[in-house]
Amino acid sequence: LFSLLIAVYTVTYSQQNKIYDKALEESYDKTYSS
């Protein structure tokens, strides 16, 4: 169970960070380009 927890959290946490970073980069691009 705990190895499954670590594996799932590894995948989902990195996926959430990618989505967050992509949105943050896009918000900075729109803010500074405007």
PDB file of all heavy atoms in Angstrom:
ATOM      1  N   LEU A   1       0.827  -1.207   0.000  1.00  0.00           N
ATOM      2  CA  LEU A   1       0.000   0.000   0.000  1.00  0.00           C
ATOM      3  C   LEU A   1       0.859   1.254   0.000  1.00  0.00           C
ATOM      4  O   LEU A   1       0.612   2.179  -0.780  1.00  0.00           O
ATOM      5  CB  LEU A   1      -0.931   0.014   1.207  1.00  0.00           C
ATOM      6  CG  LEU A   1      -1.811   1.254   1.333  1.00  0.00           C
ATOM      7  CD1 LEU A   1      -2.836   1.306   0.220  1.00  0.00           C
ATOM      8  CD2 LEU A   1      -2.489   1.288   2.675  1.00  0.00           C
ATOM      9  N   PHE A   2       1.875   1.288   0.833  1.00  0.00           N
ATOM     10  CA  PHE A   2       2.684   2.491   0.894  1.00  0.00           C
ATOM     11  C   PHE A   2       3.586   2.657  -0.328  1.00  0.00           C
ATOM     12  O   PHE A   2       3.864   3.780  -0.737  1.00  0.00           O
ATOM     13  CB  PHE A   2       3.471   2.552   2.201  1.00  0.00           C
ATOM     14  CG  PHE A   2       2.588   2.896   3.353  1.00  0.00           C
ATOM     15  CD1 PHE A   2       2.326   1.985   4.354  1.00  0.00           C
ATOM     16  CD2 PHE A   2       1.980   4.139   3.434  1.00  0.00           C
ATOM     17  CE1 PHE A   2       1.488   2.295   5.409  1.00  0.00           C
ATOM     18  CE2 PHE A   2       1.138   4.474   4.482  1.00  0.00           C
ATOM     19  CZ  PHE A   2       0.895   3.536   5.469  1.00  0.00           C
ATOM     20  N   SER A   3       3.997   1.570  -0.966  1.00  0.00           N
ATOM     21  CA  SER A   3       4.734   1.719  -2.225  1.00  0.00           C
ATOM     22  C   SER A   3       3.808   2.217  -3.326  1.00  0.00           C
ATOM     23  O   SER A   3       4.209   3.033  -4.166  1.00  0.00           O
ATOM     24  CB  SER A   3       5.392   0.404  -2.626  1.00  0.00           C
ATOM     25  OG  SER A   3       4.418  -0.573  -2.903  1.00  0.00           O
ATOM     26  N   LEU A   4       2.555   1.769  -3.316  1.00  0.00           N
ATOM     27  CA  LEU A   4       1.571   2.279  -4.272  1.00  0.00           C
ATOM     28  C   LEU A   4       1.284   3.754  -4.021  1.00  0.00           C
ATOM     29  O   LEU A   4       1.185   4.545  -4.972  1.00  0.00           O
ATOM     30  CB  LEU A   4       0.284   1.463  -4.171  1.00  0.00           C
ATOM     31  CG  LEU A   4      -0.840   1.827  -5.121  1.00  0.00           C
ATOM     32  CD1 LEU A   4      -0.428   1.554  -6.553  1.00  0.00           C
ATOM     33  CD2 LEU A   4      -2.087   1.057  -4.768  1.00  0.00           C
ATOM     34  N   LEU A   5       1.180   4.135  -2.764  1.00  0.00           N
ATOM     35  CA  LEU A   5       0.975   5.545  -2.430  1.00  0.00           C
ATOM     36  C   LEU A   5       2.117   6.416  -2.941  1.00  0.00           C
ATOM     37  O   LEU A   5       1.892   7.470  -3.541  1.00  0.00           O
ATOM     38  CB  LEU A   5       0.866   5.726  -0.916  1.00  0.00           C
ATOM     39  CG  LEU A   5      -0.467   5.457  -0.264  1.00  0.00           C
ATOM     40  CD1 LEU A   5      -0.326   5.507   1.246  1.00  0.00           C
ATOM     41  CD2 LEU A   5      -1.483   6.462  -0.716  1.00  0.00           C
ATOM     42  N   ILE A   6       3.331   5.967  -2.721  1.00  0.00           N
ATOM     43  CA  ILE A   6       4.494   6.740  -3.177  1.00  0.00           C
ATOM     44  C   ILE A   6       4.503   6.851  -4.692  1.00  0.00           C
ATOM     45  O   ILE A   6       4.760   7.924  -5.249  1.00  0.00           O
ATOM     46  CB  ILE A   6       5.794   6.103  -2.645  1.00  0.00           C
ATOM     47  CG1 ILE A   6       5.879   6.300  -1.132  1.00  0.00           C
ATOM     48  CG2 ILE A   6       7.018   6.706  -3.326  1.00  0.00           C
ATOM     49  CD1 ILE A   6       6.989   5.505  -0.473  1.00  0.00           C
ATOM     50  N   ALA A   7       4.198   5.764  -5.386  1.00  0.00           N
ATOM     51  CA  ALA A   7       4.191   5.790  -6.852  1.00  0.00           C
ATOM     52  C   ALA A   7       3.106   6.721  -7.391  1.00  0.00           C
ATOM     53  O   ALA A   7       3.357   7.522  -8.304  1.00  0.00           O
ATOM     54  CB  ALA A   7       3.987   4.377  -7.391  1.00  0.00           C
ATOM     55  N   VAL A   8       1.917   6.627  -6.834  1.00  0.00           N
ATOM     56  CA  VAL A   8       0.815   7.471  -7.313  1.00  0.00           C
ATOM     57  C   VAL A   8       1.089   8.933  -6.999  1.00  0.00           C
ATOM     58  O   VAL A   8       0.877   9.806  -7.851  1.00  0.00           O
ATOM     59  CB  VAL A   8      -0.525   7.004  -6.706  1.00  0.00           C
ATOM     60  CG1 VAL A   8      -1.621   8.021  -6.933  1.00  0.00           C
ATOM     61  CG2 VAL A   8      -0.925   5.670  -7.297  1.00  0.00           C
ATOM     62  N   TYR A   9       1.564   9.232  -5.802  1.00  0.00           N
ATOM     63  CA  TYR A   9       1.872  10.618  -5.463  1.00  0.00           C
ATOM     64  C   TYR A   9       3.009  11.168  -6.320  1.00  0.00           C
ATOM     65  O   TYR A   9       3.001  12.349  -6.659  1.00  0.00           O
ATOM     66  CB  TYR A   9       2.223  10.760  -3.982  1.00  0.00           C
ATOM     67  CG  TYR A   9       1.015  10.761  -3.076  1.00  0.00           C
ATOM     68  CD1 TYR A   9       1.046  10.152  -1.840  1.00  0.00           C
ATOM     69  CD2 TYR A   9      -0.161  11.378  -3.449  1.00  0.00           C
ATOM     70  CE1 TYR A   9      -0.057  10.148  -1.009  1.00  0.00           C
ATOM     71  CE2 TYR A   9      -1.270  11.388  -2.635  1.00  0.00           C
ATOM     72  CZ  TYR A   9      -1.211  10.763  -1.405  1.00  0.00           C
ATOM     73  OH  TYR A   9      -2.298  10.771  -0.584  1.00  0.00           O
ATOM     74  N   THR A  10       3.963  10.344  -6.682  1.00  0.00           N
ATOM     75  CA  THR A  10       5.049  10.799  -7.538  1.00  0.00           C
ATOM     76  C   THR A  10       4.522  11.233  -8.900  1.00  0.00           C
ATOM     77  O   THR A  10       4.904  12.280  -9.424  1.00  0.00           O
ATOM     78  CB  THR A  10       6.093   9.682  -7.709  1.00  0.00           C
ATOM     79  OG1 THR A  10       6.598   9.318  -6.428  1.00  0.00           O
ATOM     80  CG2 THR A  10       7.231  10.127  -8.596  1.00  0.00           C
ATOM     81  N   VAL A  11       3.638  10.446  -9.456  1.00  0.00           N
ATOM     82  CA  VAL A  11       3.094  10.765 -10.776  1.00  0.00           C
ATOM     83  C   VAL A  11       2.143  11.956 -10.711  1.00  0.00           C
ATOM     84  O   VAL A  11       2.244  12.890 -11.509  1.00  0.00           O
ATOM     85  CB  VAL A  11       2.383   9.531 -11.370  1.00  0.00           C
ATOM     86  CG1 VAL A  11       1.644   9.883 -12.645  1.00  0.00           C
ATOM     87  CG2 VAL A  11       3.380   8.418 -11.617  1.00  0.00           C
ATOM     88  N   THR A  12       1.220  11.940  -9.761  1.00  0.00           N
ATOM     89  CA  THR A  12       0.210  13.000  -9.724  1.00  0.00           C
ATOM     90  C   THR A  12       0.798  14.336  -9.275  1.00  0.00           C
ATOM     91  O   THR A  12       0.406  15.384  -9.795  1.00  0.00           O
ATOM     92  CB  THR A  12      -0.955  12.613  -8.797  1.00  0.00           C
ATOM     93  OG1 THR A  12      -0.462  12.363  -7.487  1.00  0.00           O
ATOM     94  CG2 THR A  12      -1.685  11.408  -9.324  1.00  0.00           C
ATOM     95  N   TYR A  13       1.730  14.321  -8.347  1.00  0.00           N
ATOM     96  CA  TYR A  13       2.329  15.570  -7.877  1.00  0.00           C
ATOM     97  C   TYR A  13       3.116  16.248  -8.997  1.00  0.00           C
ATOM     98  O   TYR A  13       2.995  17.460  -9.194  1.00  0.00           O
ATOM     99  CB  TYR A  13       3.232  15.295  -6.679  1.00  0.00           C
ATOM    100  CG  TYR A  13       3.802  16.519  -6.034  1.00  0.00           C
ATOM    101  CD1 TYR A  13       3.013  17.337  -5.248  1.00  0.00           C
ATOM    102  CD2 TYR A  13       5.135  16.872  -6.217  1.00  0.00           C
ATOM    103  CE1 TYR A  13       3.529  18.477  -4.651  1.00  0.00           C
ATOM    104  CE2 TYR A  13       5.661  18.002  -5.633  1.00  0.00           C
ATOM    105  CZ  TYR A  13       4.862  18.790  -4.848  1.00  0.00           C
ATOM    106  OH  TYR A  13       5.384  19.929  -4.264  1.00  0.00           O
ATOM    107  N   SER A  14       3.876  15.467  -9.747  1.00  0.00           N
ATOM    108  CA  SER A  14       4.638  16.069 -10.843  1.00  0.00           C
ATOM    109  C   SER A  14       3.712  16.574 -11.947  1.00  0.00           C
ATOM    110  O   SER A  14       3.974  17.613 -12.553  1.00  0.00           O
ATOM    111  CB  SER A  14       5.647  15.074 -11.407  1.00  0.00           C
ATOM    112  OG  SER A  14       4.978  13.984 -11.994  1.00  0.00           O
ATOM    113  N   GLN A  15       2.611  15.867 -12.188  1.00  0.00           N
ATOM    114  CA  GLN A  15       1.655  16.313 -13.198  1.00  0.00           C
ATOM    115  C   GLN A  15       0.985  17.619 -12.772  1.00  0.00           C
ATOM    116  O   GLN A  15       0.825  18.531 -13.586  1.00  0.00           O
ATOM    117  CB  GLN A  15       0.593  15.229 -13.440  1.00  0.00           C
ATOM    118  CG  GLN A  15      -0.367  15.545 -14.544  1.00  0.00           C
ATOM    119  CD  GLN A  15       0.285  15.575 -15.907  1.00  0.00           C
ATOM    120  OE1 GLN A  15       1.262  14.897 -16.146  1.00  0.00           O
ATOM    121  NE2 GLN A  15      -0.257  16.384 -16.784  1.00  0.00           N
ATOM    122  N   GLN A  16       0.623  17.725 -11.516  1.00  0.00           N
ATOM    123  CA  GLN A  16       0.020  18.966 -11.030  1.00  0.00           C
ATOM    124  C   GLN A  16       1.015  20.126 -11.092  1.00  0.00           C
ATOM    125  O   GLN A  16       0.635  21.248 -11.440  1.00  0.00           O
ATOM    126  CB  GLN A  16      -0.484  18.792  -9.599  1.00  0.00           C
ATOM    127  CG  GLN A  16      -1.732  17.997  -9.500  1.00  0.00           C
ATOM    128  CD  GLN A  16      -2.200  17.805  -8.058  1.00  0.00           C
ATOM    129  OE1 GLN A  16      -1.408  17.908  -7.129  1.00  0.00           O
ATOM    130  NE2 GLN A  16      -3.472  17.542  -7.886  1.00  0.00           N
ATOM    131  N   ASN A  17       2.268  19.858 -10.787  1.00  0.00           N
ATOM    132  CA  ASN A  17       3.285  20.913 -10.869  1.00  0.00           C
ATOM    133  C   ASN A  17       3.504  21.365 -12.307  1.00  0.00           C
ATOM    134  O   ASN A  17       3.723  22.552 -12.557  1.00  0.00           O
ATOM    135  CB  ASN A  17       4.601  20.444 -10.259  1.00  0.00           C
ATOM    136  CG  ASN A  17       4.580  20.524  -8.755  1.00  0.00           C
ATOM    137  OD1 ASN A  17       3.749  21.209  -8.177  1.00  0.00           O
ATOM    138  ND2 ASN A  17       5.497  19.829  -8.124  1.00  0.00           N
ATOM    139  N   LYS A  18       3.473  20.439 -13.257  1.00  0.00           N
ATOM    140  CA  LYS A  18       3.619  20.815 -14.668  1.00  0.00           C
ATOM    141  C   LYS A  18       2.476  21.723 -15.107  1.00  0.00           C
ATOM    142  O   LYS A  18       2.689  22.724 -15.800  1.00  0.00           O
ATOM    143  CB  LYS A  18       3.653  19.572 -15.552  1.00  0.00           C
ATOM    144  CG  LYS A  18       4.941  18.808 -15.507  1.00  0.00           C
ATOM    145  CD  LYS A  18       4.873  17.586 -16.392  1.00  0.00           C
ATOM    146  CE  LYS A  18       6.081  16.701 -16.204  1.00  0.00           C
ATOM    147  NZ  LYS A  18       5.981  15.468 -16.995  1.00  0.00           N
ATOM    148  N   ILE A  19       1.260  21.380 -14.719  1.00  0.00           N
ATOM    149  CA  ILE A  19       0.103  22.196 -15.083  1.00  0.00           C
ATOM    150  C   ILE A  19       0.210  23.573 -14.434  1.00  0.00           C
ATOM    151  O   ILE A  19      -0.038  24.608 -15.073  1.00  0.00           O
ATOM    152  CB  ILE A  19      -1.204  21.478 -14.682  1.00  0.00           C
ATOM    153  CG1 ILE A  19      -1.392  20.217 -15.526  1.00  0.00           C
ATOM    154  CG2 ILE A  19      -2.406  22.406 -14.837  1.00  0.00           C
ATOM    155  CD1 ILE A  19      -2.502  19.311 -15.050  1.00  0.00           C
ATOM    156  N   TYR A  20       0.589  23.614 -13.172  1.00  0.00           N
ATOM    157  CA  TYR A  20       0.735  24.882 -12.456  1.00  0.00           C
ATOM    158  C   TYR A  20       1.828  25.741 -13.094  1.00  0.00           C
ATOM    159  O   TYR A  20       1.627  26.937 -13.329  1.00  0.00           O
ATOM    160  CB  TYR A  20       1.054  24.623 -10.987  1.00  0.00           C
ATOM    161  CG  TYR A  20       1.225  25.873 -10.171  1.00  0.00           C
ATOM    162  CD1 TYR A  20       0.130  26.551  -9.672  1.00  0.00           C
ATOM    163  CD2 TYR A  20       2.494  26.385  -9.911  1.00  0.00           C
ATOM    164  CE1 TYR A  20       0.281  27.703  -8.930  1.00  0.00           C
ATOM    165  CE2 TYR A  20       2.653  27.541  -9.183  1.00  0.00           C
ATOM    166  CZ  TYR A  20       1.549  28.191  -8.687  1.00  0.00           C
ATOM    167  OH  TYR A  20       1.715  29.339  -7.968  1.00  0.00           O
ATOM    168  N   ASP A  21       2.985  25.148 -13.376  1.00  0.00           N
ATOM    169  CA  ASP A  21       4.089  25.904 -13.968  1.00  0.00           C
ATOM    170  C   ASP A  21       3.739  26.428 -15.351  1.00  0.00           C
ATOM    171  O   ASP A  21       4.102  27.549 -15.709  1.00  0.00           O
ATOM    172  CB  ASP A  21       5.349  25.037 -14.038  1.00  0.00           C
ATOM    173  CG  ASP A  21       5.937  24.759 -12.672  1.00  0.00           C
ATOM    174  OD1 ASP A  21       5.593  25.486 -11.711  1.00  0.00           O
ATOM    175  OD2 ASP A  21       6.726  23.791 -12.554  1.00  0.00           O
ATOM    176  N   LYS A  22       3.032  25.623 -16.128  1.00  0.00           N
ATOM    177  CA  LYS A  22       2.621  26.047 -17.468  1.00  0.00           C
ATOM    178  C   LYS A  22       1.669  27.239 -17.380  1.00  0.00           C
ATOM    179  O   LYS A  22       1.799  28.208 -18.128  1.00  0.00           O
ATOM    180  CB  LYS A  22       1.952  24.878 -18.192  1.00  0.00           C
ATOM    181  CG  LYS A  22       1.546  25.157 -19.594  1.00  0.00           C
ATOM    182  CD  LYS A  22       0.931  23.907 -20.218  1.00  0.00           C
ATOM    183  CE  LYS A  22       0.347  24.194 -21.573  1.00  0.00           C
ATOM    184  NZ  LYS A  22      -0.336  23.012 -22.116  1.00  0.00           N
ATOM    185  N   ALA A  23       0.725  27.197 -16.455  1.00  0.00           N
ATOM    186  CA  ALA A  23      -0.214  28.306 -16.269  1.00  0.00           C
ATOM    187  C   ALA A  23       0.499  29.542 -15.736  1.00  0.00           C
ATOM    188  O   ALA A  23       0.190  30.674 -16.140  1.00  0.00           O
ATOM    189  CB  ALA A  23      -1.331  27.888 -15.323  1.00  0.00           C
ATOM    190  N   LEU A  24       1.440  29.344 -14.839  1.00  0.00           N
ATOM    191  CA  LEU A  24       2.199  30.467 -14.291  1.00  0.00           C
ATOM    192  C   LEU A  24       3.019  31.142 -15.383  1.00  0.00           C
ATOM    193  O   LEU A  24       3.058  32.375 -15.480  1.00  0.00           O
ATOM    194  CB  LEU A  24       3.105  29.967 -13.168  1.00  0.00           C
ATOM    195  CG  LEU A  24       3.746  30.997 -12.269  1.00  0.00           C
ATOM    196  CD1 LEU A  24       2.684  31.811 -11.550  1.00  0.00           C
ATOM    197  CD2 LEU A  24       4.640  30.312 -11.264  1.00  0.00           C
ATOM    198  N   GLU A  25       3.639  30.345 -16.227  1.00  0.00           N
ATOM    199  CA  GLU A  25       4.425  30.901 -17.332  1.00  0.00           C
ATOM    200  C   GLU A  25       3.529  31.662 -18.303  1.00  0.00           C
ATOM    201  O   GLU A  25       3.887  32.751 -18.758  1.00  0.00           O
ATOM    202  CB  GLU A  25       5.147  29.764 -18.058  1.00  0.00           C
ATOM    203  CG  GLU A  25       6.034  30.199 -19.188  1.00  0.00           C
ATOM    204  CD  GLU A  25       6.720  29.017 -19.828  1.00  0.00           C
ATOM    205  OE1 GLU A  25       7.224  28.143 -19.101  1.00  0.00           O
ATOM    206  OE2 GLU A  25       6.738  28.966 -21.070  1.00  0.00           O
ATOM    207  N   GLU A  26       2.365  31.109 -18.591  1.00  0.00           N
ATOM    208  CA  GLU A  26       1.446  31.779 -19.506  1.00  0.00           C
ATOM    209  C   GLU A  26       0.917  33.084 -18.906  1.00  0.00           C
ATOM    210  O   GLU A  26       0.765  34.078 -19.618  1.00  0.00           O
ATOM    211  CB  GLU A  26       0.284  30.849 -19.851  1.00  0.00           C
ATOM    212  CG  GLU A  26      -0.584  31.371 -20.965  1.00  0.00           C
ATOM    213  CD  GLU A  26      -1.595  30.350 -21.434  1.00  0.00           C
ATOM    214  OE1 GLU A  26      -1.289  29.146 -21.402  1.00  0.00           O
ATOM    215  OE2 GLU A  26      -2.689  30.793 -21.830  1.00  0.00           O
ATOM    216  N   SER A  27       0.675  33.085 -17.607  1.00  0.00           N
ATOM    217  CA  SER A  27       0.195  34.317 -16.967  1.00  0.00           C
ATOM    218  C   SER A  27       1.282  35.388 -16.979  1.00  0.00           C
ATOM    219  O   SER A  27       0.988  36.566 -17.205  1.00  0.00           O
ATOM    220  CB  SER A  27      -0.261  34.044 -15.540  1.00  0.00           C
ATOM    221  OG  SER A  27       0.828  33.813 -14.680  1.00  0.00           O
ATOM    222  N   TYR A  28       2.532  34.980 -16.769  1.00  0.00           N
ATOM    223  CA  TYR A  28       3.625  35.951 -16.841  1.00  0.00           C
ATOM    224  C   TYR A  28       3.778  36.481 -18.257  1.00  0.00           C
ATOM    225  O   TYR A  28       4.006  37.675 -18.460  1.00  0.00           O
ATOM    226  CB  TYR A  28       4.936  35.324 -16.379  1.00  0.00           C
ATOM    227  CG  TYR A  28       5.058  35.162 -14.884  1.00  0.00           C
ATOM    228  CD1 TYR A  28       5.863  34.167 -14.350  1.00  0.00           C
ATOM    229  CD2 TYR A  28       4.395  35.988 -14.002  1.00  0.00           C
ATOM    230  CE1 TYR A  28       5.983  33.999 -12.978  1.00  0.00           C
ATOM    231  CE2 TYR A  28       4.508  35.834 -12.626  1.00  0.00           C
ATOM    232  CZ  TYR A  28       5.312  34.839 -12.131  1.00  0.00           C
ATOM    233  OH  TYR A  28       5.428  34.684 -10.778  1.00  0.00           O
ATOM    234  N   ASP A  29       3.663  35.601 -19.250  1.00  0.00           N
ATOM    235  CA  ASP A  29       3.783  36.038 -20.645  1.00  0.00           C
ATOM    236  C   ASP A  29       2.694  37.043 -20.996  1.00  0.00           C
ATOM    237  O   ASP A  29       2.960  38.074 -21.623  1.00  0.00           O
ATOM    238  CB  ASP A  29       3.707  34.834 -21.592  1.00  0.00           C
ATOM    239  CG  ASP A  29       4.953  33.960 -21.532  1.00  0.00           C
ATOM    240  OD1 ASP A  29       5.979  34.423 -20.984  1.00  0.00           O
ATOM    241  OD2 ASP A  29       4.891  32.810 -22.018  1.00  0.00           O
ATOM    242  N   LYS A  30       1.468  36.765 -20.597  1.00  0.00           N
ATOM    243  CA  LYS A  30       0.365  37.683 -20.911  1.00  0.00           C
ATOM    244  C   LYS A  30       0.484  38.978 -20.127  1.00  0.00           C
ATOM    245  O   LYS A  30       0.159  40.043 -20.635  1.00  0.00           O
ATOM    246  CB  LYS A  30      -0.973  37.006 -20.643  1.00  0.00           C
ATOM    247  CG  LYS A  30      -1.305  35.972 -21.674  1.00  0.00           C
ATOM    248  CD  LYS A  30      -2.694  35.433 -21.504  1.00  0.00           C
ATOM    249  CE  LYS A  30      -2.963  34.395 -22.594  1.00  0.00           C
ATOM    250  NZ  LYS A  30      -4.311  33.844 -22.493  1.00  0.00           N
ATOM    251  N   THR A  31       0.958  38.905 -18.894  1.00  0.00           N
ATOM    252  CA  THR A  31       1.075  40.097 -18.073  1.00  0.00           C
ATOM    253  C   THR A  31       2.162  41.026 -18.612  1.00  0.00           C
ATOM    254  O   THR A  31       1.951  42.232 -18.763  1.00  0.00           O
ATOM    255  CB  THR A  31       1.405  39.729 -16.608  1.00  0.00           C
ATOM    256  OG1 THR A  31       0.378  38.879 -16.113  1.00  0.00           O
ATOM    257  CG2 THR A  31       1.508  40.967 -15.749  1.00  0.00           C
ATOM    258  N   TYR A  32       3.317  40.468 -18.897  1.00  0.00           N
ATOM    259  CA  TYR A  32       4.440  41.292 -19.340  1.00  0.00           C
ATOM    260  C   TYR A  32       4.361  41.654 -20.808  1.00  0.00           C
ATOM    261  O   TYR A  32       4.884  42.702 -21.206  1.00  0.00           O
ATOM    262  CB  TYR A  32       5.767  40.607 -19.030  1.00  0.00           C
ATOM    263  CG  TYR A  32       6.015  40.498 -17.538  1.00  0.00           C
ATOM    264  CD1 TYR A  32       6.230  39.285 -16.929  1.00  0.00           C
ATOM    265  CD2 TYR A  32       5.985  41.643 -16.745  1.00  0.00           C
ATOM    266  CE1 TYR A  32       6.436  39.191 -15.554  1.00  0.00           C
ATOM    267  CE2 TYR A  32       6.189  41.564 -15.374  1.00  0.00           C
ATOM    268  CZ  TYR A  32       6.412  40.337 -14.792  1.00  0.00           C
ATOM    269  OH  TYR A  32       6.605  40.266 -13.440  1.00  0.00           O
ATOM    270  N   SER A  33       3.724  40.852 -21.631  1.00  0.00           N
ATOM    271  CA  SER A  33       3.593  41.229 -23.047  1.00  0.00           C
ATOM    272  C   SER A  33       2.542  42.323 -23.216  1.00  0.00           C
ATOM    273  O   SER A  33       2.609  43.117 -24.143  1.00  0.00           O
ATOM    274  CB  SER A  33       3.226  40.013 -23.901  1.00  0.00           C
ATOM    275  OG  SER A  33       1.941  39.545 -23.547  1.00  0.00           O
ATOM    276  N   SER A  34       1.559  42.411 -22.317  1.00  0.00           N
ATOM    277  CA  SER A  34       0.549  43.462 -22.410  1.00  0.00           C
ATOM    278  C   SER A  34       1.089  44.806 -21.949  1.00  0.00           C
ATOM    279  O   SER A  34       0.556  45.839 -22.313  1.00  0.00           O
ATOM    280  CB  SER A  34      -0.688  43.081 -21.605  1.00  0.00           C
ATOM    281  OG  SER A  34      -0.362  43.016 -20.228  1.00  0.00           O
TER     282      SER A  34
END
